[in-house]
Amino acid sequence: MANNPFIGIGHNPEGPDLPLGLGMRLAQEPRAMDTFGTLNEGQKTQVISYIQAASTGDDAQNRIETAVTSLREGRLPQ
């Protein structure tokens, strides 16, 4: 996969699609975007799976914010 994360809807043969909300937030946080870009495929999948595990829209938004904050600080969300 290229250094640019895949953002969109549809089949991505290189791993899960980046949730649109996460892509939008990463675009607003260059440091978090840079960290995400340096992650290996497994780590990127871990971040995306963390967000996709949300049970509600509010939970997803909170998880996106947690992920962006963690990535901005150079770590994976937990």
PDB file of N, CA and C in Angstrom:
ATOM      1  N   MET A   1       0.841  -1.176   0.000  1.00  0.00           N
ATOM      2  CA  MET A   1       0.000   0.000   0.000  1.00  0.00           C
ATOM      3  C   MET A   1       0.884   1.236   0.000  1.00  0.00           C
ATOM      4  N   ALA A   2       0.470   2.246  -0.677  1.00  0.00           N
ATOM      5  CA  ALA A   2       1.230   3.492  -0.734  1.00  0.00           C
ATOM      6  C   ALA A   2       1.225   4.163   0.633  1.00  0.00           C
ATOM      7  N   ASN A   3       2.046   5.171   0.803  1.00  0.00           N
ATOM      8  CA  ASN A   3       2.086   5.887   2.064  1.00  0.00           C
ATOM      9  C   ASN A   3       0.798   6.638   2.347  1.00  0.00           C
ATOM     10  N   ASN A   4       0.010   6.910   1.313  1.00  0.00           N
ATOM     11  CA  ASN A   4      -1.259   7.590   1.515  1.00  0.00           C
ATOM     12  C   ASN A   4      -2.317   6.578   1.918  1.00  0.00           C
ATOM     13  N   PRO A   5      -3.049   6.843   2.996  1.00  0.00           N
ATOM     14  CA  PRO A   5      -4.092   5.891   3.400  1.00  0.00           C
ATOM     15  C   PRO A   5      -5.227   5.872   2.386  1.00  0.00           C
ATOM     16  N   PHE A   6      -5.837   4.707   2.207  1.00  0.00           N
ATOM     17  CA  PHE A   6      -6.982   4.573   1.309  1.00  0.00           C
ATOM     18  C   PHE A   6      -8.203   5.145   2.013  1.00  0.00           C
ATOM     19  N   ILE A   7      -8.883   6.052   1.352  1.00  0.00           N
ATOM     20  CA  ILE A   7     -10.095   6.653   1.903  1.00  0.00           C
ATOM     21  C   ILE A   7     -11.193   6.460   0.883  1.00  0.00           C
ATOM     22  N   GLY A   8     -12.275   5.870   1.293  1.00  0.00           N
ATOM     23  CA  GLY A   8     -13.373   5.744   0.354  1.00  0.00           C
ATOM     24  C   GLY A   8     -14.286   4.594   0.670  1.00  0.00           C
ATOM     25  N   ILE A   9     -15.136   4.322  -0.276  1.00  0.00           N
ATOM     26  CA  ILE A   9     -16.119   3.269  -0.141  1.00  0.00           C
ATOM     27  C   ILE A   9     -15.824   2.241  -1.221  1.00  0.00           C
ATOM     28  N   GLY A  10     -15.950   1.005  -0.893  1.00  0.00           N
ATOM     29  CA  GLY A  10     -15.746  -0.028  -1.888  1.00  0.00           C
ATOM     30  C   GLY A  10     -14.662  -0.989  -1.477  1.00  0.00           C
ATOM     31  N   HIS A  11     -14.313  -1.869  -2.397  1.00  0.00           N
ATOM     32  CA  HIS A  11     -13.352  -2.917  -2.127  1.00  0.00           C
ATOM     33  C   HIS A  11     -11.934  -2.354  -2.199  1.00  0.00           C
ATOM     34  N   ASN A  12     -11.217  -2.539  -1.124  1.00  0.00           N
ATOM     35  CA  ASN A  12      -9.817  -2.147  -1.074  1.00  0.00           C
ATOM     36  C   ASN A  12      -9.011  -3.416  -0.860  1.00  0.00           C
ATOM     37  N   PRO A  13      -8.326  -3.915  -1.868  1.00  0.00           N
ATOM     38  CA  PRO A  13      -7.611  -5.191  -1.744  1.00  0.00           C
ATOM     39  C   PRO A  13      -6.451  -5.164  -0.758  1.00  0.00           C
ATOM     40  N   GLU A  14      -6.050  -4.003  -0.320  1.00  0.00           N
ATOM     41  CA  GLU A  14      -4.895  -3.893   0.564  1.00  0.00           C
ATOM     42  C   GLU A  14      -5.274  -3.771   2.026  1.00  0.00           C
ATOM     43  N   GLY A  15      -6.531  -3.938   2.369  1.00  0.00           N
ATOM     44  CA  GLY A  15      -6.947  -3.844   3.756  1.00  0.00           C
ATOM     45  C   GLY A  15      -8.261  -3.110   3.868  1.00  0.00           C
ATOM     46  N   PRO A  16      -8.736  -2.921   5.089  1.00  0.00           N
ATOM     47  CA  PRO A  16     -10.038  -2.270   5.261  1.00  0.00           C
ATOM     48  C   PRO A  16      -9.991  -0.805   4.837  1.00  0.00           C
ATOM     49  N   ASP A  17     -11.121  -0.334   4.346  1.00  0.00           N
ATOM     50  CA  ASP A  17     -11.231   1.075   3.976  1.00  0.00           C
ATOM     51  C   ASP A  17     -11.098   1.946   5.217  1.00  0.00           C
ATOM     52  N   LEU A  18     -10.495   3.082   5.047  1.00  0.00           N
ATOM     53  CA  LEU A  18     -10.389   4.061   6.109  1.00  0.00           C
ATOM     54  C   LEU A  18     -11.756   4.705   6.285  1.00  0.00           C
ATOM     55  N   PRO A  19     -12.329   4.659   7.496  1.00  0.00           N
ATOM     56  CA  PRO A  19     -13.626   5.304   7.698  1.00  0.00           C
ATOM     57  C   PRO A  19     -13.561   6.779   7.298  1.00  0.00           C
ATOM     58  N   LEU A  20     -14.597   7.237   6.626  1.00  0.00           N
ATOM     59  CA  LEU A  20     -14.614   8.603   6.119  1.00  0.00           C
ATOM     60  C   LEU A  20     -14.383   9.624   7.231  1.00  0.00           C
ATOM     61  N   GLY A  21     -15.024   9.433   8.382  1.00  0.00           N
ATOM     62  CA  GLY A  21     -14.850  10.363   9.502  1.00  0.00           C
ATOM     63  C   GLY A  21     -13.411  10.428   9.975  1.00  0.00           C
ATOM     64  N   LEU A  22     -12.743   9.278  10.017  1.00  0.00           N
ATOM     65  CA  LEU A  22     -11.332   9.264  10.416  1.00  0.00           C
ATOM     66  C   LEU A  22     -10.485   9.969   9.372  1.00  0.00           C
ATOM     67  N   GLY A  23     -10.763   9.716   8.105  1.00  0.00           N
ATOM     68  CA  GLY A  23     -10.009  10.390   7.048  1.00  0.00           C
ATOM     69  C   GLY A  23     -10.140  11.893   7.116  1.00  0.00           C
ATOM     70  N   MET A  24     -11.356  12.356   7.400  1.00  0.00           N
ATOM     71  CA  MET A  24     -11.587  13.799   7.498  1.00  0.00           C
ATOM     72  C   MET A  24     -10.835  14.392   8.688  1.00  0.00           C
ATOM     73  N   ARG A  25     -10.844  13.681   9.827  1.00  0.00           N
ATOM     74  CA  ARG A  25     -10.143  14.198  11.014  1.00  0.00           C
ATOM     75  C   ARG A  25      -8.626  14.158  10.815  1.00  0.00           C
ATOM     76  N   LEU A  26      -8.136  13.111  10.180  1.00  0.00           N
ATOM     77  CA  LEU A  26      -6.697  13.047   9.924  1.00  0.00           C
ATOM     78  C   LEU A  26      -6.252  14.183   9.013  1.00  0.00           C
ATOM     79  N   ALA A  27      -7.102  14.556   8.066  1.00  0.00           N
ATOM     80  CA  ALA A  27      -6.772  15.670   7.171  1.00  0.00           C
ATOM     81  C   ALA A  27      -6.627  16.976   7.938  1.00  0.00           C
ATOM     82  N   GLN A  28      -7.285  17.077   9.094  1.00  0.00           N
ATOM     83  CA  GLN A  28      -7.204  18.286   9.922  1.00  0.00           C
ATOM     84  C   GLN A  28      -6.060  18.239  10.919  1.00  0.00           C
ATOM     85  N   GLU A  29      -5.433  17.089  11.050  1.00  0.00           N
ATOM     86  CA  GLU A  29      -4.357  16.897  12.037  1.00  0.00           C
ATOM     87  C   GLU A  29      -3.126  16.320  11.339  1.00  0.00           C
ATOM     88  N   PRO A  30      -2.292  17.163  10.746  1.00  0.00           N
ATOM     89  CA  PRO A  30      -1.138  16.657   9.980  1.00  0.00           C
ATOM     90  C   PRO A  30      -0.224  15.719  10.766  1.00  0.00           C
ATOM     91  N   ARG A  31      -0.001  15.993  12.023  1.00  0.00           N
ATOM     92  CA  ARG A  31       0.881  15.127  12.811  1.00  0.00           C
ATOM     93  C   ARG A  31       0.270  13.725  12.948  1.00  0.00           C
ATOM     94  N   ALA A  32      -1.045  13.661  13.197  1.00  0.00           N
ATOM     95  CA  ALA A  32      -1.728  12.366  13.293  1.00  0.00           C
ATOM     96  C   ALA A  32      -1.711  11.657  11.941  1.00  0.00           C
ATOM     97  N   MET A  33      -1.907  12.398  10.862  1.00  0.00           N
ATOM     98  CA  MET A  33      -1.880  11.819   9.512  1.00  0.00           C
ATOM     99  C   MET A  33      -0.496  11.251   9.223  1.00  0.00           C
ATOM    100  N   ASP A  34       0.547  11.977   9.595  1.00  0.00           N
ATOM    101  CA  ASP A  34       1.910  11.491   9.379  1.00  0.00           C
ATOM    102  C   ASP A  34       2.155  10.201  10.152  1.00  0.00           C
ATOM    103  N   THR A  35       1.709  10.156  11.402  1.00  0.00           N
ATOM    104  CA  THR A  35       1.890   8.947  12.206  1.00  0.00           C
ATOM    105  C   THR A  35       1.140   7.787  11.578  1.00  0.00           C
ATOM    106  N   PHE A  36      -0.107   8.025  11.171  1.00  0.00           N
ATOM    107  CA  PHE A  36      -0.898   6.965  10.545  1.00  0.00           C
ATOM    108  C   PHE A  36      -0.189   6.460   9.288  1.00  0.00           C
ATOM    109  N   GLY A  37       0.388   7.349   8.524  1.00  0.00           N
ATOM    110  CA  GLY A  37       1.086   6.969   7.302  1.00  0.00           C
ATOM    111  C   GLY A  37       2.311   6.113   7.540  1.00  0.00           C
ATOM    112  N   THR A  38       2.898   6.195   8.723  1.00  0.00           N
ATOM    113  CA  THR A  38       4.087   5.391   9.030  1.00  0.00           C
ATOM    114  C   THR A  38       3.744   4.027   9.610  1.00  0.00           C
ATOM    115  N   LEU A  39       2.473   3.786   9.928  1.00  0.00           N
ATOM    116  CA  LEU A  39       2.080   2.500  10.509  1.00  0.00           C
ATOM    117  C   LEU A  39       2.156   1.398   9.467  1.00  0.00           C
ATOM    118  N   ASN A  40       2.439   0.195   9.920  1.00  0.00           N
ATOM    119  CA  ASN A  40       2.398  -0.940   9.002  1.00  0.00           C
ATOM    120  C   ASN A  40       0.931  -1.342   8.797  1.00  0.00           C
ATOM    121  N   GLU A  41       0.685  -2.251   7.867  1.00  0.00           N
ATOM    122  CA  GLU A  41      -0.692  -2.621   7.523  1.00  0.00           C
ATOM    123  C   GLU A  41      -1.462  -3.164   8.722  1.00  0.00           C
ATOM    124  N   GLY A  42      -0.808  -3.972   9.541  1.00  0.00           N
ATOM    125  CA  GLY A  42      -1.459  -4.523  10.724  1.00  0.00           C
ATOM    126  C   GLY A  42      -1.876  -3.441  11.704  1.00  0.00           C
ATOM    127  N   GLN A  43      -1.010  -2.462  11.891  1.00  0.00           N
ATOM    128  CA  GLN A  43      -1.328  -1.368  12.809  1.00  0.00           C
ATOM    129  C   GLN A  43      -2.458  -0.507  12.263  1.00  0.00           C
ATOM    130  N   LYS A  44      -2.450  -0.244  10.947  1.00  0.00           N
ATOM    131  CA  LYS A  44      -3.534   0.522  10.340  1.00  0.00           C
ATOM    132  C   LYS A  44      -4.854  -0.217  10.501  1.00  0.00           C
ATOM    133  N   THR A  45      -4.823  -1.522  10.288  1.00  0.00           N
ATOM    134  CA  THR A  45      -6.028  -2.329  10.457  1.00  0.00           C
ATOM    135  C   THR A  45      -6.502  -2.279  11.899  1.00  0.00           C
ATOM    136  N   GLN A  46      -5.570  -2.278  12.841  1.00  0.00           N
ATOM    137  CA  GLN A  46      -5.923  -2.200  14.262  1.00  0.00           C
ATOM    138  C   GLN A  46      -6.652  -0.891  14.566  1.00  0.00           C
ATOM    139  N   VAL A  47      -6.158   0.223  14.045  1.00  0.00           N
ATOM    140  CA  VAL A  47      -6.798   1.523  14.264  1.00  0.00           C
ATOM    141  C   VAL A  47      -8.193   1.533  13.649  1.00  0.00           C
ATOM    142  N   ILE A  48      -8.299   1.054  12.417  1.00  0.00           N
ATOM    143  CA  ILE A  48      -9.592   1.045  11.730  1.00  0.00           C
ATOM    144  C   ILE A  48     -10.573   0.119  12.444  1.00  0.00           C
ATOM    145  N   SER A  49     -10.112  -1.043  12.874  1.00  0.00           N
ATOM    146  CA  SER A  49     -10.976  -1.988  13.585  1.00  0.00           C
ATOM    147  C   SER A  49     -11.453  -1.403  14.910  1.00  0.00           C
ATOM    148  N   TYR A  50     -10.581  -0.663  15.576  1.00  0.00           N
ATOM    149  CA  TYR A  50     -10.955   0.001  16.832  1.00  0.00           C
ATOM    150  C   TYR A  50     -12.156   0.916  16.599  1.00  0.00           C
ATOM    151  N   ILE A  51     -12.136   1.677  15.531  1.00  0.00           N
ATOM    152  CA  ILE A  51     -13.224   2.601  15.228  1.00  0.00           C
ATOM    153  C   ILE A  51     -14.464   1.832  14.780  1.00  0.00           C
ATOM    154  N   GLN A  52     -14.283   0.825  13.950  1.00  0.00           N
ATOM    155  CA  GLN A  52     -15.414   0.067  13.436  1.00  0.00           C
ATOM    156  C   GLN A  52     -16.097  -0.771  14.512  1.00  0.00           C
ATOM    157  N   ALA A  53     -15.465  -0.967  15.643  1.00  0.00           N
ATOM    158  CA  ALA A  53     -16.059  -1.719  16.742  1.00  0.00           C
ATOM    159  C   ALA A  53     -17.072  -0.888  17.527  1.00  0.00           C
ATOM    160  N   ALA A  54     -17.245   0.372  17.176  1.00  0.00           N
ATOM    161  CA  ALA A  54     -18.191   1.244  17.877  1.00  0.00           C
ATOM    162  C   ALA A  54     -19.610   0.714  17.725  1.00  0.00           C
ATOM    163  N   SER A  55     -20.399   0.875  18.780  1.00  0.00           N
ATOM    164  CA  SER A  55     -21.773   0.367  18.752  1.00  0.00           C
ATOM    165  C   SER A  55     -22.791   1.435  18.368  1.00  0.00           C
ATOM    166  N   THR A  56     -22.397   2.703  18.438  1.00  0.00           N
ATOM    167  CA  THR A  56     -23.299   3.807  18.074  1.00  0.00           C
ATOM    168  C   THR A  56     -22.512   4.863  17.319  1.00  0.00           C
ATOM    169  N   GLY A  57     -23.222   5.788  16.715  1.00  0.00           N
ATOM    170  CA  GLY A  57     -22.558   6.893  16.027  1.00  0.00           C
ATOM    171  C   GLY A  57     -21.741   7.747  16.983  1.00  0.00           C
ATOM    172  N   ASP A  58     -22.295   8.000  18.163  1.00  0.00           N
ATOM    173  CA  ASP A  58     -21.554   8.783  19.160  1.00  0.00           C
ATOM    174  C   ASP A  58     -20.294   8.058  19.601  1.00  0.00           C
ATOM    175  N   ASP A  59     -20.411   6.743  19.776  1.00  0.00           N
ATOM    176  CA  ASP A  59     -19.246   5.943  20.156  1.00  0.00           C
ATOM    177  C   ASP A  59     -18.192   6.021  19.056  1.00  0.00           C
ATOM    178  N   ALA A  60     -18.614   5.944  17.803  1.00  0.00           N
ATOM    179  CA  ALA A  60     -17.669   6.033  16.678  1.00  0.00           C
ATOM    180  C   ALA A  60     -16.958   7.382  16.678  1.00  0.00           C
ATOM    181  N   GLN A  61     -17.707   8.459  16.891  1.00  0.00           N
ATOM    182  CA  GLN A  61     -17.093   9.793  16.937  1.00  0.00           C
ATOM    183  C   GLN A  61     -16.090   9.886  18.072  1.00  0.00           C
ATOM    184  N   ASN A  62     -16.435   9.344  19.232  1.00  0.00           N
ATOM    185  CA  ASN A  62     -15.502   9.365  20.363  1.00  0.00           C
ATOM    186  C   ASN A  62     -14.254   8.548  20.056  1.00  0.00           C
ATOM    187  N   ARG A  63     -14.435   7.414  19.407  1.00  0.00           N
ATOM    188  CA  ARG A  63     -13.290   6.576  19.058  1.00  0.00           C
ATOM    189  C   ARG A  63     -12.407   7.266  18.018  1.00  0.00           C
ATOM    190  N   ILE A  64     -13.005   7.968  17.083  1.00  0.00           N
ATOM    191  CA  ILE A  64     -12.220   8.715  16.094  1.00  0.00           C
ATOM    192  C   ILE A  64     -11.379   9.773  16.801  1.00  0.00           C
ATOM    193  N   GLU A  65     -11.994  10.500  17.720  1.00  0.00           N
ATOM    194  CA  GLU A  65     -11.244  11.536  18.450  1.00  0.00           C
ATOM    195  C   GLU A  65     -10.119  10.924  19.268  1.00  0.00           C
ATOM    196  N   THR A  66     -10.386   9.790  19.916  1.00  0.00           N
ATOM    197  CA  THR A  66      -9.350   9.101  20.686  1.00  0.00           C
ATOM    198  C   THR A  66      -8.215   8.655  19.771  1.00  0.00           C
ATOM    199  N   ALA A  67      -8.574   8.096  18.614  1.00  0.00           N
ATOM    200  CA  ALA A  67      -7.556   7.637  17.667  1.00  0.00           C
ATOM    201  C   ALA A  67      -6.700   8.791  17.168  1.00  0.00           C
ATOM    202  N   VAL A  68      -7.332   9.896  16.811  1.00  0.00           N
ATOM    203  CA  VAL A  68      -6.586  11.051  16.294  1.00  0.00           C
ATOM    204  C   VAL A  68      -5.666  11.619  17.373  1.00  0.00           C
ATOM    205  N   THR A  69      -6.171  11.717  18.594  1.00  0.00           N
ATOM    206  CA  THR A  69      -5.343  12.221  19.696  1.00  0.00           C
ATOM    207  C   THR A  69      -4.144  11.301  19.914  1.00  0.00           C
ATOM    208  N   SER A  70      -4.398   9.990  19.937  1.00  0.00           N
ATOM    209  CA  SER A  70      -3.311   9.029  20.132  1.00  0.00           C
ATOM    210  C   SER A  70      -2.288   9.112  19.023  1.00  0.00           C
ATOM    211  N   LEU A  71      -2.761   9.153  17.779  1.00  0.00           N
ATOM    212  CA  LEU A  71      -1.842   9.225  16.639  1.00  0.00           C
ATOM    213  C   LEU A  71      -1.055  10.531  16.652  1.00  0.00           C
ATOM    214  N   ARG A  72      -1.698  11.617  17.042  1.00  0.00           N
ATOM    215  CA  ARG A  72      -0.994  12.907  17.134  1.00  0.00           C
ATOM    216  C   ARG A  72       0.139  12.825  18.147  1.00  0.00           C
ATOM    217  N   GLU A  73      -0.067  11.993  19.194  1.00  0.00           N
ATOM    218  CA  GLU A  73       0.945  11.812  20.237  1.00  0.00           C
ATOM    219  C   GLU A  73       1.926  10.686  19.899  1.00  0.00           C
ATOM    220  N   GLY A  74       1.767  10.095  18.703  1.00  0.00           N
ATOM    221  CA  GLY A  74       2.701   9.085  18.243  1.00  0.00           C
ATOM    222  C   GLY A  74       2.452   7.685  18.772  1.00  0.00           C
ATOM    223  N   ARG A  75       1.219   7.389  19.174  1.00  0.00           N
ATOM    224  CA  ARG A  75       0.907   6.059  19.698  1.00  0.00           C
ATOM    225  C   ARG A  75      -0.402   5.558  19.113  1.00  0.00           C
ATOM    226  N   LEU A  76      -0.651   4.270  19.279  1.00  0.00           N
ATOM    227  CA  LEU A  76      -1.895   3.657  18.804  1.00  0.00           C
ATOM    228  C   LEU A  76      -2.992   3.845  19.845  1.00  0.00           C
ATOM    229  N   PRO A  77      -4.245   3.983  19.414  1.00  0.00           N
ATOM    230  CA  PRO A  77      -5.347   4.103  20.365  1.00  0.00           C
ATOM    231  C   PRO A  77      -5.590   2.781  21.085  1.00  0.00           C
ATOM    232  N   GLN A  78      -6.058   2.885  22.322  1.00  0.00           N
ATOM    233  CA  GLN A  78      -6.360   1.674  23.095  1.00  0.00           C
ATOM    234  C   GLN A  78      -7.691   1.804  23.759  1.00  0.00           C
TER     235      GLN A  78
END
